[in-house]
Amino acid sequence: MRFNFLFHKHTWSTPHQVEGTTNRYVMRCYDCGAEREVEAQLEASSEIENRIKQARAELQKLNKVS
């Protein structure tokens, strides 16, 4: 039994939200039930940021005309 613990390789589940929380996500090992917290930082690419700036400029132009 002790050797199973020493050579255990975790098989992690997909990240899922913890019940009762809004921004906490965890992954669980299918075999032993261990949990690890998931941290994600999403950043927009420069192309997307440029398109957002262009869209805001167009909206401002449309709002001035109306």
C-alpha atoms as a PDB file:
ATOM      1  CA  MET A   1       0.000   0.000   0.000  1.00  0.00           C
ATOM      2  CA  ARG A   2       2.811   2.407   0.830  1.00  0.00           C
ATOM      3  CA  PHE A   3       4.443   1.916  -2.574  1.00  0.00           C
ATOM      4  CA  ASN A   4       1.210   2.819  -4.376  1.00  0.00           C
ATOM      5  CA  PHE A   5       1.369   6.232  -2.697  1.00  0.00           C
ATOM      6  CA  LEU A   6       5.002   6.774  -3.627  1.00  0.00           C
ATOM      7  CA  PHE A   7       4.476   5.972  -7.304  1.00  0.00           C
ATOM      8  CA  HIS A   8       1.017   7.484  -7.717  1.00  0.00           C
ATOM      9  CA  LYS A   9       0.625   9.628 -10.825  1.00  0.00           C
ATOM     10  CA  HIS A  10      -2.300  12.038 -10.633  1.00  0.00           C
ATOM     11  CA  THR A  11      -4.902  12.017 -13.378  1.00  0.00           C
ATOM     12  CA  TRP A  12      -6.527  15.448 -13.120  1.00  0.00           C
ATOM     13  CA  SER A  13     -10.098  16.319 -14.070  1.00  0.00           C
ATOM     14  CA  THR A  14     -11.021  19.392 -16.056  1.00  0.00           C
ATOM     15  CA  PRO A  15     -11.253  22.608 -14.018  1.00  0.00           C
ATOM     16  CA  HIS A  16     -14.640  23.190 -12.460  1.00  0.00           C
ATOM     17  CA  GLN A  17     -16.095  25.836 -10.189  1.00  0.00           C
ATOM     18  CA  VAL A  18     -16.365  25.149  -6.460  1.00  0.00           C
ATOM     19  CA  GLU A  19     -19.970  25.268  -5.276  1.00  0.00           C
ATOM     20  CA  GLY A  20     -20.847  28.427  -3.370  1.00  0.00           C
ATOM     21  CA  THR A  21     -18.009  30.484  -4.864  1.00  0.00           C
ATOM     22  CA  THR A  22     -17.750  32.718  -7.893  1.00  0.00           C
ATOM     23  CA  ASN A  23     -14.068  32.811  -8.786  1.00  0.00           C
ATOM     24  CA  ARG A  24     -12.586  29.603  -7.373  1.00  0.00           C
ATOM     25  CA  TYR A  25     -11.830  26.709  -9.687  1.00  0.00           C
ATOM     26  CA  VAL A  26     -10.240  23.371  -8.790  1.00  0.00           C
ATOM     27  CA  MET A  27      -9.091  20.177 -10.480  1.00  0.00           C
ATOM     28  CA  ARG A  28      -9.522  16.795  -8.761  1.00  0.00           C
ATOM     29  CA  CYS A  29      -7.484  13.638  -9.183  1.00  0.00           C
ATOM     30  CA  TYR A  30      -9.685  10.827 -10.471  1.00  0.00           C
ATOM     31  CA  ASP A  31      -7.768   8.213  -8.443  1.00  0.00           C
ATOM     32  CA  CYS A  32      -7.107   9.677  -4.996  1.00  0.00           C
ATOM     33  CA  GLY A  33      -9.436  12.704  -4.845  1.00  0.00           C
ATOM     34  CA  ALA A  34      -6.667  15.249  -4.238  1.00  0.00           C
ATOM     35  CA  GLU A  35      -7.499  18.823  -5.257  1.00  0.00           C
ATOM     36  CA  ARG A  36      -5.432  21.580  -6.734  1.00  0.00           C
ATOM     37  CA  GLU A  37      -6.564  25.132  -7.282  1.00  0.00           C
ATOM     38  CA  VAL A  38      -6.548  26.551 -10.791  1.00  0.00           C
ATOM     39  CA  GLU A  39      -5.421  30.097 -11.517  1.00  0.00           C
ATOM     40  CA  ALA A  40      -6.088  31.609 -14.918  1.00  0.00           C
ATOM     41  CA  GLN A  41      -5.181  35.001 -16.270  1.00  0.00           C
ATOM     42  CA  LEU A  42      -6.718  35.880 -19.594  1.00  0.00           C
ATOM     43  CA  GLU A  43      -5.134  38.605 -21.665  1.00  0.00           C
ATOM     44  CA  ALA A  44      -6.435  40.015 -24.915  1.00  0.00           C
ATOM     45  CA  SER A  45      -4.118  40.050 -27.909  1.00  0.00           C
ATOM     46  CA  SER A  46      -2.986  43.385 -29.322  1.00  0.00           C
ATOM     47  CA  GLU A  47      -5.162  42.859 -32.398  1.00  0.00           C
ATOM     48  CA  ILE A  48      -8.272  42.548 -30.266  1.00  0.00           C
ATOM     49  CA  GLU A  49      -7.330  45.636 -28.248  1.00  0.00           C
ATOM     50  CA  ASN A  50      -6.876  47.605 -31.492  1.00  0.00           C
ATOM     51  CA  ARG A  51     -10.279  46.486 -32.766  1.00  0.00           C
ATOM     52  CA  ILE A  52     -11.884  47.540 -29.487  1.00  0.00           C
ATOM     53  CA  LYS A  53     -10.308  50.991 -29.787  1.00  0.00           C
ATOM     54  CA  GLN A  54     -11.562  51.298 -33.368  1.00  0.00           C
ATOM     55  CA  ALA A  55     -15.063  50.219 -32.388  1.00  0.00           C
ATOM     56  CA  ARG A  56     -15.156  52.759 -29.538  1.00  0.00           C
ATOM     57  CA  ALA A  57     -14.023  55.520 -31.901  1.00  0.00           C
ATOM     58  CA  GLU A  58     -16.779  54.599 -34.390  1.00  0.00           C
ATOM     59  CA  LEU A  59     -19.390  54.592 -31.613  1.00  0.00           C
ATOM     60  CA  GLN A  60     -18.276  58.039 -30.467  1.00  0.00           C
ATOM     61  CA  LYS A  61     -18.595  59.337 -34.048  1.00  0.00           C
ATOM     62  CA  LEU A  62     -22.101  57.866 -34.319  1.00  0.00           C
ATOM     63  CA  ASN A  63     -23.137  59.361 -30.996  1.00  0.00           C
ATOM     64  CA  LYS A  64     -21.953  62.845 -32.079  1.00  0.00           C
ATOM     65  CA  VAL A  65     -23.980  62.650 -35.306  1.00  0.00           C
ATOM     66  CA  SER A  66     -27.207  61.660 -33.521  1.00  0.00           C
END
